Protein backbone atom coordinates (compact mmCIF):
# COMPACT_ATOMS: atom_id res chain seq x y z
CA MET A 1 -0.08 -0.01 0.23
CA GLN A 2 1.31 3.29 -0.90
CA LYS A 3 2.62 5.61 1.78
CA ALA A 4 1.07 8.78 2.60
CA VAL A 5 3.36 11.78 1.89
CA ALA A 6 2.45 13.17 5.38
CA GLN A 7 3.77 10.08 7.09
CA ARG A 8 6.83 10.12 5.20
CA LEU A 9 7.63 13.64 6.20
CA MET A 10 6.83 12.92 9.97
CA ASP A 11 9.18 9.73 9.73
CA TYR A 12 12.10 11.95 8.04
CA VAL A 13 12.02 14.88 10.45
CA ARG A 14 13.08 12.59 13.27
CA PHE A 15 16.46 12.31 11.65
CA ASP A 16 18.84 15.15 12.97
CA THR A 17 20.42 16.31 9.66
CA ARG A 18 21.52 19.73 10.61
CA SER A 19 24.48 20.79 8.49
CA ASP A 20 27.58 22.49 9.87
CA SER A 21 29.53 25.07 7.86
CA GLY A 22 32.40 24.68 10.54
CA SER A 23 33.08 21.06 9.22
CA THR A 24 35.11 20.32 6.01
CA ALA A 25 33.65 17.00 5.63
CA CYS A 26 31.11 16.12 3.11
CA PRO A 27 28.44 15.77 4.26
CA SER A 28 29.23 18.06 7.06
CA THR A 29 27.52 15.95 9.62
CA PRO A 30 27.06 12.25 10.05
CA GLY A 31 23.16 12.53 10.39
CA GLN A 32 22.73 13.40 6.90
CA LEU A 33 24.27 10.05 5.84
CA VAL A 34 22.11 7.96 8.39
CA LEU A 35 18.97 9.59 6.37
CA ALA A 36 20.61 9.06 2.94
CA LYS A 37 21.12 5.30 3.79
CA TYR A 38 17.35 4.98 4.88
CA LEU A 39 16.09 6.69 1.59
CA VAL A 40 18.41 4.57 -0.42
CA GLU A 41 16.55 1.49 1.15
CA GLU A 42 13.15 2.94 0.58
CA LEU A 43 13.83 3.81 -2.94
CA LYS A 44 14.86 0.21 -3.70
CA ALA A 45 11.75 -0.94 -1.97
CA ILE A 46 9.54 0.94 -4.26
CA GLY A 47 11.34 -0.53 -7.22
CA LEU A 48 14.15 1.74 -8.01
CA THR A 49 17.01 -0.73 -8.09
CA ASP A 50 19.81 1.28 -8.97
CA ALA A 51 19.20 3.55 -5.88
CA ALA A 52 22.74 4.33 -4.48
CA LEU A 53 24.66 6.69 -2.07
CA ASP A 54 28.04 7.93 -3.16
CA GLU A 55 31.12 8.93 -1.04
CA ASN A 56 30.21 12.39 -0.60
CA GLY A 57 26.50 11.69 0.64
CA TYR A 58 24.49 12.21 -2.47
CA VAL A 59 21.65 9.81 -3.13
CA THR A 60 20.52 9.03 -6.77
CA ALA A 61 18.12 6.64 -8.43
CA THR A 62 16.38 6.10 -11.52
CA LEU A 63 12.68 5.45 -12.78
CA LEU A 64 13.17 3.75 -16.17
CA SER A 65 11.05 4.82 -18.90
CA ASN A 66 7.83 2.97 -19.86
CA VAL A 67 7.55 4.41 -23.46
CA GLU A 68 9.29 3.74 -26.56
CA GLN A 69 9.87 7.19 -27.82
CA ASP A 70 13.28 8.81 -26.81
CA ILE A 71 12.36 11.46 -24.33
CA PRO A 72 14.87 13.90 -22.59
CA VAL A 73 15.51 12.77 -19.20
CA ILE A 74 14.06 14.88 -16.34
CA GLY A 75 15.17 15.03 -12.75
CA PHE A 76 13.68 16.08 -9.34
CA LEU A 77 16.04 16.99 -6.50
CA ALA A 78 15.78 17.88 -2.74
CA HIS A 79 18.21 18.44 -0.10
CA LEU A 80 18.97 16.22 2.98
CA ASP A 81 20.05 18.84 5.58
CA THR A 82 18.22 21.28 7.91
CA SER A 83 19.22 24.64 8.83
CA PRO A 84 21.89 24.88 11.66
CA GLU A 85 20.35 28.02 12.86
CA ILE A 86 18.07 26.07 15.26
CA SER A 87 18.04 22.64 16.60
CA GLY A 88 16.84 19.73 14.65
CA ALA A 89 17.50 17.22 17.23
CA GLY A 90 14.36 15.34 18.91
CA VAL A 91 12.06 16.82 16.58
CA LYS A 92 8.46 16.12 17.58
CA PRO A 93 5.97 16.68 14.79
CA ARG A 94 2.51 17.15 15.60
CA LEU A 95 -0.49 16.87 13.07
CA ILE A 96 -3.54 19.26 13.61
CA GLU A 97 -6.20 17.78 11.94
CA ASN A 98 -8.99 20.13 10.49
CA TYR A 99 -7.51 23.19 11.71
CA SER A 100 -10.35 25.44 12.93
CA GLY A 101 -8.47 28.79 12.94
CA GLY A 102 -6.86 30.90 15.84
CA ASP A 103 -3.77 30.27 17.86
CA ILE A 104 -1.84 26.86 18.14
CA VAL A 105 -0.14 26.34 21.47
CA LEU A 106 3.11 24.73 20.28
CA ASN A 107 4.55 24.60 23.74
CA GLN A 108 2.64 25.77 26.78
CA SER A 109 5.55 25.59 29.37
CA LEU A 110 7.74 27.90 27.26
CA ASP A 111 4.78 30.01 26.06
CA VAL A 112 5.48 29.16 22.38
CA VAL A 113 2.39 30.02 20.23
CA LEU A 114 1.92 29.96 16.27
CA SER A 115 -0.72 32.66 15.94
CA PRO A 116 -2.37 34.13 12.75
CA GLU A 117 -2.03 37.38 14.38
CA ASP A 118 1.84 37.07 13.80
CA PHE A 119 1.46 34.72 10.57
CA PRO A 120 -1.69 35.54 8.86
CA GLU A 121 -1.01 32.99 6.19
CA LEU A 122 -2.33 30.65 8.70
CA ASN A 123 -5.75 31.49 7.95
CA ASN A 124 -5.06 30.02 4.31
CA TYR A 125 -5.29 26.54 6.12
CA ILE A 126 -8.59 26.63 7.85
CA GLU A 127 -10.18 23.16 7.48
CA GLN A 128 -6.77 21.72 6.46
CA ASP A 129 -4.55 19.42 8.31
CA ILE A 130 -1.26 21.07 9.10
CA ILE A 131 2.05 19.56 10.87
CA VAL A 132 3.79 21.68 13.38
CA THR A 133 6.63 21.54 15.82
CA ASP A 134 6.64 21.22 19.64
CA GLY A 135 8.04 24.66 20.01
CA THR A 136 11.79 23.56 20.67
CA THR A 137 12.92 22.81 17.39
CA LEU A 138 12.51 23.41 13.58
CA LEU A 139 10.09 21.00 11.90
CA GLY A 140 12.36 20.12 8.98
CA ALA A 141 9.99 20.49 6.10
CA ASP A 142 12.82 22.36 4.73
CA ASN A 143 13.64 20.11 2.67
CA LYS A 144 12.38 16.82 3.92
CA ALA A 145 8.89 17.66 2.50
CA GLY A 146 10.47 17.90 -0.85
CA ILE A 147 12.20 14.52 -0.49
CA ALA A 148 8.81 12.93 0.85
CA GLU A 149 6.89 14.64 -2.16
CA ILE A 150 9.33 13.44 -4.72
CA ILE A 151 9.46 9.77 -3.38
CA THR A 152 5.75 9.54 -3.11
CA ALA A 153 5.22 10.73 -6.79
CA ILE A 154 7.76 8.30 -7.98
CA GLU A 155 6.01 5.56 -6.15
CA TYR A 156 2.75 6.51 -7.45
CA LEU A 157 4.10 6.30 -11.12
CA VAL A 158 5.55 2.76 -9.98
CA THR A 159 2.13 1.51 -8.98
CA HIS A 160 0.20 3.30 -11.85
CA SER A 161 1.98 1.82 -15.04
CA GLU A 162 -0.84 3.19 -17.07
CA ILE A 163 0.82 6.70 -16.83
CA LYS A 164 3.09 7.00 -19.53
CA HIS A 165 6.67 8.46 -18.74
CA GLY A 166 10.13 8.75 -19.82
CA THR A 167 13.10 8.29 -17.75
CA VAL A 168 13.08 10.25 -14.42
CA LYS A 169 16.20 10.86 -12.20
CA VAL A 170 15.98 11.43 -8.39
CA GLY A 171 18.43 13.12 -6.57
CA PHE A 172 18.98 14.04 -2.78
CA THR A 173 21.93 16.30 -1.88
CA PRO A 174 23.84 17.04 1.19
CA ASP A 175 24.67 20.34 2.89
CA GLU A 176 22.39 22.74 0.75
CA GLU A 177 21.68 24.84 3.83
CA ILE A 178 25.43 25.85 4.08
CA GLY A 179 25.87 26.51 0.50
CA ARG A 180 27.70 23.35 -0.67
CA GLY A 181 24.57 21.26 -1.89
CA ALA A 182 25.75 21.17 -5.50
CA ASP A 183 29.48 21.33 -4.97
CA ARG A 184 30.30 17.58 -5.65
CA PHE A 185 27.12 16.69 -7.56
CA ASP A 186 27.93 14.82 -10.80
CA THR A 187 25.45 16.32 -13.17
CA THR A 188 27.06 14.37 -16.05
CA SER A 189 26.36 10.91 -14.65
CA PHE A 190 23.03 12.12 -13.23
CA GLY A 191 22.01 12.36 -16.82
CA ALA A 192 19.04 14.66 -16.84
CA ALA A 193 18.55 17.37 -19.57
CA PHE A 194 16.65 19.74 -16.89
CA ALA A 195 15.56 19.06 -13.42
CA TYR A 196 13.58 20.81 -10.76
CA THR A 197 14.32 21.34 -6.85
CA VAL A 198 11.40 20.70 -4.88
CA ASP A 199 12.50 23.33 -2.28
CA GLY A 200 10.05 26.18 -2.37
CA GLY A 201 7.42 27.47 0.13
CA PRO A 202 3.76 27.92 -0.18
CA LEU A 203 1.29 26.38 -2.46
CA GLY A 204 1.74 27.49 -6.07
CA GLU A 205 5.49 28.83 -5.90
CA LEU A 206 7.38 28.44 -9.16
CA GLU A 207 10.79 30.32 -8.92
CA TYR A 208 13.65 30.70 -11.48
CA GLU A 209 15.41 33.71 -10.45
CA THR A 210 17.77 33.77 -7.25
CA PHE A 211 19.95 36.14 -5.65
CA ASN A 212 23.61 36.56 -6.44
CA ALA A 213 25.04 35.57 -3.19
CA ALA A 214 28.43 36.01 -1.21
CA GLU A 215 29.78 35.42 2.27
CA ALA A 216 31.83 38.02 3.79
CA LYS A 217 33.92 37.07 6.91
CA ILE A 218 35.40 40.11 8.74
CA ASN A 219 37.98 39.78 11.57
CA ILE A 220 38.75 42.68 13.63
CA LYS A 221 41.77 43.21 15.97
CA GLY A 222 41.73 45.18 19.03
CA ARG A 223 44.12 46.11 21.89
CA ASN A 224 42.93 45.33 25.44
CA VAL A 225 44.38 47.33 28.39
CA HIS A 226 42.87 47.70 31.81
CA PRO A 227 39.97 49.74 31.66
CA GLY A 228 41.34 52.07 34.56
CA THR A 229 44.20 53.07 32.33
CA ALA A 230 42.81 52.83 28.85
CA LYS A 231 42.51 56.29 27.69
CA ASN A 232 44.16 56.57 24.30
CA ALA A 233 45.35 53.07 24.60
CA MET A 234 42.50 50.74 24.40
CA ILE A 235 40.99 49.62 20.99
CA HIS A 236 37.93 47.85 21.39
CA SER A 237 37.04 45.68 18.39
CA LEU A 238 33.60 44.97 19.31
CA HIS A 239 32.92 48.90 19.16
CA ILE A 240 34.73 48.90 15.67
CA ALA A 241 32.49 45.97 14.57
CA MET A 242 29.28 47.91 15.76
CA GLU A 243 30.88 50.97 13.88
CA LEU A 244 31.24 48.97 10.64
CA ASN A 245 27.76 47.57 10.76
CA ALA A 246 26.37 51.09 11.24
CA MET A 247 27.95 51.97 8.12
CA LEU A 248 25.71 49.85 6.03
CA PRO A 249 22.36 51.21 5.03
CA ALA A 250 19.86 50.43 7.88
CA ALA A 251 17.06 49.47 5.77
CA GLU A 252 18.80 47.09 3.59
CA VAL A 253 18.51 44.13 5.73
CA PRO A 254 16.15 40.93 5.66
CA GLY A 255 13.53 42.51 8.01
CA HIS A 256 13.10 45.51 5.57
CA THR A 257 13.31 44.19 2.05
CA GLU A 258 11.11 42.06 -0.21
CA GLY A 259 10.82 40.86 -3.84
CA TYR A 260 13.82 42.00 -5.83
CA GLU A 261 15.53 43.97 -3.05
CA GLY A 262 18.95 42.95 -1.91
CA PHE A 263 20.41 43.17 1.52
CA TYR A 264 23.35 42.70 4.00
CA HIS A 265 22.57 40.23 6.92
CA LEU A 266 24.94 39.97 9.71
CA ASN A 267 24.70 36.41 10.35
CA SER A 268 27.05 36.04 13.35
CA LEU A 269 29.08 38.19 15.74
CA ARG A 270 31.50 36.92 18.25
CA GLY A 271 34.05 38.79 20.01
CA SER A 272 35.73 40.71 23.15
CA VAL A 273 37.80 43.64 23.37
CA GLU A 274 40.90 42.04 21.88
CA GLU A 275 39.20 40.41 18.56
CA THR A 276 35.96 40.14 17.15
CA ALA A 277 34.77 37.86 14.10
CA MET A 278 31.80 38.77 11.93
CA THR A 279 30.06 36.92 9.29
CA TYR A 280 27.58 38.50 6.61
CA ILE A 281 25.69 37.15 3.93
CA VAL A 282 25.32 39.45 1.03
CA ARG A 283 22.46 39.27 -1.39
CA ASP A 284 21.03 40.88 -4.81
CA HIS A 285 19.27 39.65 -7.95
CA ASP A 286 20.98 42.23 -9.97
CA LYS A 287 24.48 41.67 -11.11
CA ALA A 288 25.83 45.28 -10.83
CA LYS A 289 24.06 46.01 -7.53
CA PHE A 290 25.63 42.79 -6.14
CA ALA A 291 29.04 43.85 -7.18
CA ALA A 292 28.54 47.25 -5.79
CA ARG A 293 27.40 45.68 -2.42
CA LYS A 294 30.68 43.86 -2.23
CA GLU A 295 32.62 46.93 -3.15
CA ARG A 296 31.05 48.79 -0.39
CA LEU A 297 32.23 46.34 2.43
CA GLU A 298 35.73 46.51 1.06
CA LYS A 299 35.70 50.37 1.00
CA ILE A 300 34.57 50.40 4.73
CA THR A 301 37.08 47.93 5.67
CA VAL A 302 39.88 50.41 3.79
CA TYR A 303 38.23 53.39 5.82
CA LEU A 304 38.68 51.62 9.25
CA ASN A 305 42.17 50.41 8.63
CA ASP A 306 42.96 54.16 7.76
CA LYS A 307 41.26 55.17 10.90
CA TYR A 308 42.40 52.51 13.47
CA GLY A 309 45.59 51.16 11.72
CA GLU A 310 46.55 48.85 8.87
CA GLY A 311 45.60 45.30 9.59
CA THR A 312 42.89 46.16 12.17
CA VAL A 313 39.92 45.00 10.00
CA ALA A 314 40.40 42.02 7.46
CA ILE A 315 37.68 40.85 4.95
CA SER A 316 37.64 37.81 3.03
CA LEU A 317 34.55 37.75 0.38
CA ARG A 318 33.39 34.43 -1.38
CA ASP A 319 30.72 34.24 -3.86
CA GLN A 320 28.47 31.38 -3.21
CA TYR A 321 26.02 31.36 -6.19
CA TYR A 322 24.56 33.49 -8.77
CA ASN A 323 21.14 34.33 -10.26
CA MET A 324 20.16 31.23 -12.32
CA ARG A 325 17.61 33.31 -14.51
CA GLU A 326 20.71 33.70 -16.89
CA LYS A 327 20.77 30.20 -17.39
CA ILE A 328 17.01 29.12 -17.46
CA GLU A 329 15.67 31.92 -19.69
CA PRO A 330 17.26 30.02 -22.79
CA VAL A 331 15.32 27.01 -21.87
CA TYR A 332 12.18 28.70 -20.44
CA HIS A 333 9.94 26.10 -21.66
CA ILE A 334 10.77 24.08 -18.63
CA VAL A 335 9.26 27.08 -16.52
CA GLU A 336 6.11 26.92 -18.72
CA LEU A 337 5.90 23.19 -18.31
CA ALA A 338 5.77 23.59 -14.68
CA LYS A 339 3.45 26.29 -14.73
CA THR A 340 0.93 24.54 -16.83
CA ALA A 341 1.17 21.33 -14.56
CA ILE A 342 0.75 23.38 -11.49
CA GLU A 343 -2.45 25.23 -13.14
CA ALA A 344 -3.71 21.82 -14.47
CA ILE A 345 -4.12 20.65 -10.85
CA GLY A 346 -6.40 23.81 -9.98
CA ILE A 347 -3.66 25.99 -8.60
CA THR A 348 -2.75 29.51 -9.48
CA ALA A 349 1.00 29.54 -10.32
CA ASN A 350 2.96 32.16 -8.31
CA ILE A 351 6.29 32.98 -10.42
CA LYS A 352 8.34 34.79 -8.21
CA PRO A 353 11.96 35.28 -7.38
CA VAL A 354 13.76 33.08 -4.85
CA ARG A 355 14.75 35.24 -1.66
CA GLY A 356 17.20 32.60 -0.62
CA GLY A 357 19.37 29.88 -1.89
CA THR A 358 18.63 26.74 -3.53
CA ASP A 359 20.78 24.09 -5.24
CA GLY A 360 19.23 24.85 -8.48
CA ALA A 361 21.23 28.03 -8.61
CA LYS A 362 24.62 26.19 -8.90
CA LEU A 363 23.18 23.15 -10.85
CA SER A 364 21.98 25.59 -13.49
CA TYR A 365 25.54 27.00 -13.89
CA MET A 366 26.89 23.44 -13.96
CA GLY A 367 24.81 22.58 -17.01
CA LEU A 368 21.55 21.40 -15.29
CA PRO A 369 18.78 23.91 -15.75
CA CYS A 370 16.88 23.64 -12.58
CA PRO A 371 13.98 25.83 -11.52
CA ASN A 372 12.48 25.50 -8.05
CA LEU A 373 9.01 24.16 -7.03
CA PHE A 374 6.91 24.58 -4.27
CA SER A 375 7.02 22.10 -1.19
CA GLY A 376 4.09 23.87 0.82
CA GLY A 377 5.79 24.82 3.92
CA HIS A 378 5.91 27.95 6.04
CA ASN A 379 8.25 29.60 8.47
CA PHE A 380 11.41 27.62 7.59
CA HIS A 381 14.50 27.62 9.96
CA GLY A 382 12.48 28.30 13.02
CA LYS A 383 10.26 26.70 15.68
CA TYR A 384 7.03 28.32 14.11
CA GLU A 385 7.64 26.25 10.74
CA TYR A 386 4.60 24.33 9.64
CA ILE A 387 3.16 22.70 6.52
CA SER A 388 -0.16 21.91 5.23
CA VAL A 389 -0.67 18.09 4.40
CA GLN A 390 -3.16 19.10 1.43
CA SER A 391 -0.19 21.16 0.01
CA MET A 392 2.09 18.31 0.13
CA GLU A 393 -0.37 16.23 -1.65
CA LYS A 394 -0.89 18.85 -4.22
CA ALA A 395 2.92 18.84 -4.67
CA VAL A 396 2.82 15.22 -5.25
CA GLU A 397 0.12 15.85 -8.01
CA MET A 398 2.38 18.57 -9.45
CA ILE A 399 5.49 16.36 -9.85
CA VAL A 400 3.31 13.49 -11.55
CA ARG A 401 1.67 16.01 -13.82
CA ILE A 402 5.08 17.60 -14.89
CA ILE A 403 6.50 14.29 -15.85
CA ALA A 404 3.27 13.20 -17.70
CA LEU A 405 2.95 16.59 -19.58
CA HIS A 406 6.79 16.34 -20.46
CA THR A 407 6.41 12.85 -21.94
CA LYS A 408 3.44 13.96 -23.98
CA ALA A 409 5.41 16.82 -25.20
CA GLY A 410 8.21 14.59 -26.07
CA ARG A 411 10.82 17.34 -25.42
């Protein structure tokens, strides 16, 4: 009997798969391998006999064509890891059946409440079934919902052979949340002409534009002396860090931007009088504005070194990924294919830019054009994360419909 997509998600979220940017291993955490091995066995059990796990933690499998015509191979991808920003250990998912509206108490003792006053999108899910956290961890629907939806769709095709389809490739990647998800992915052996990541948010989302993204690591050296004799002698590295941050546009942060607006995001700050380390992520959809943002940080560094002495502030900038629009527009029919499939199952397609990262950005530049599809979740990377079961079921329908329409079109 086919396993329900919601049950798959609730099984998967119990695996602690938080990635770790401080690790140089691939995958960066052992928990990702544990889930990966579990998924390989599940894929084999539903009939994908070539399901395999490579030495870097990538899971791949193939649903073979059941038609004679030569149809370009299509792929579907999701990522194994969850965000390291909040605990993913001991996740206790809870199913709220037939949500009646109003507040959902996630954790009474900690006074954690999921409220439509704070998250008005909850009102879209009245009379639906939603999966929530216990208020102490994230849920992990990002991106275990995508995994569950892909596997459930493939299982449906296996058990409904009357649905004609070409060859379909499945891939699950590690370390997407720390920007490494596609780094060791072998697009050549994967063999798909194009693919989709099922890593988006609410029902109907379809995305083929991402930020251009960079990480800025800044180290500030101070000079500590006794505060009683510090006049004209102490250099306080934390004060310099605050000065640096104040030189960036106050409104150009995630909490004040939307749509195509870029930002600087102070992701971490650790320090003392003697030394401080800061990490920013820099984002912009426009390539020229992206370059200008990085240049601004470099100019601030020069200014502070002129003020406090050469070597006080050191910056290391690393590009992470680029806007995949450039690579997808030449094959825009794959976006139209997804839009047609979404609308065919009774949903309005919401084509919008990604305000975040996705494996598809790097993969598109590696020769595998890869738009992003909705998985149905909200409030990713936090304890208020939730997902509608009905949205997940629609995501399964969407995947099946994309495959069927692609087969019919034959291109």
